[in-house]
């Protein structure tokens, strides 16, 4: 029987760490909050066991209704269909009130490509490009 993951709160606010096996860890953290939105960074493995923690972090951020939500997956080492499902659901929840952007390269990019989600949501290879390409979509303050 597979052991369920344990959620370990981190002393830093906004950080969720999930341990689900030897050396397998997912960290989800809000790394930037500003008037234009929030950036969430995930590192480690996003699979059926850890995807609920990513979904919960996204749910919390989306509930605050920022103008833009950026999900940085550049440090993700593995992602399966559970991860793509979480991203698709978050993208749907954000529409049309928020700009939803995913940063994916390497291990996180391939599942998005295979699922054809690059045509459904904004996917960029790095943070600077994602922020620059979505700046004109934000409301003027």
Foldseek 3Di string as FASTA:
>chain_A
DQDAWDWDDDPDPAWIWTDRDVPAIKIWGFPDDDQQFTEIEIAGEADPRCLVVVLVSLVVRVVVQHQEYEYEDDRYPAYDPSNVVSLVVSVVSNPPRHQYEYADDDRRVVRCVVVVCVVVHHYHPDDVVRCVVCVVVGDDD
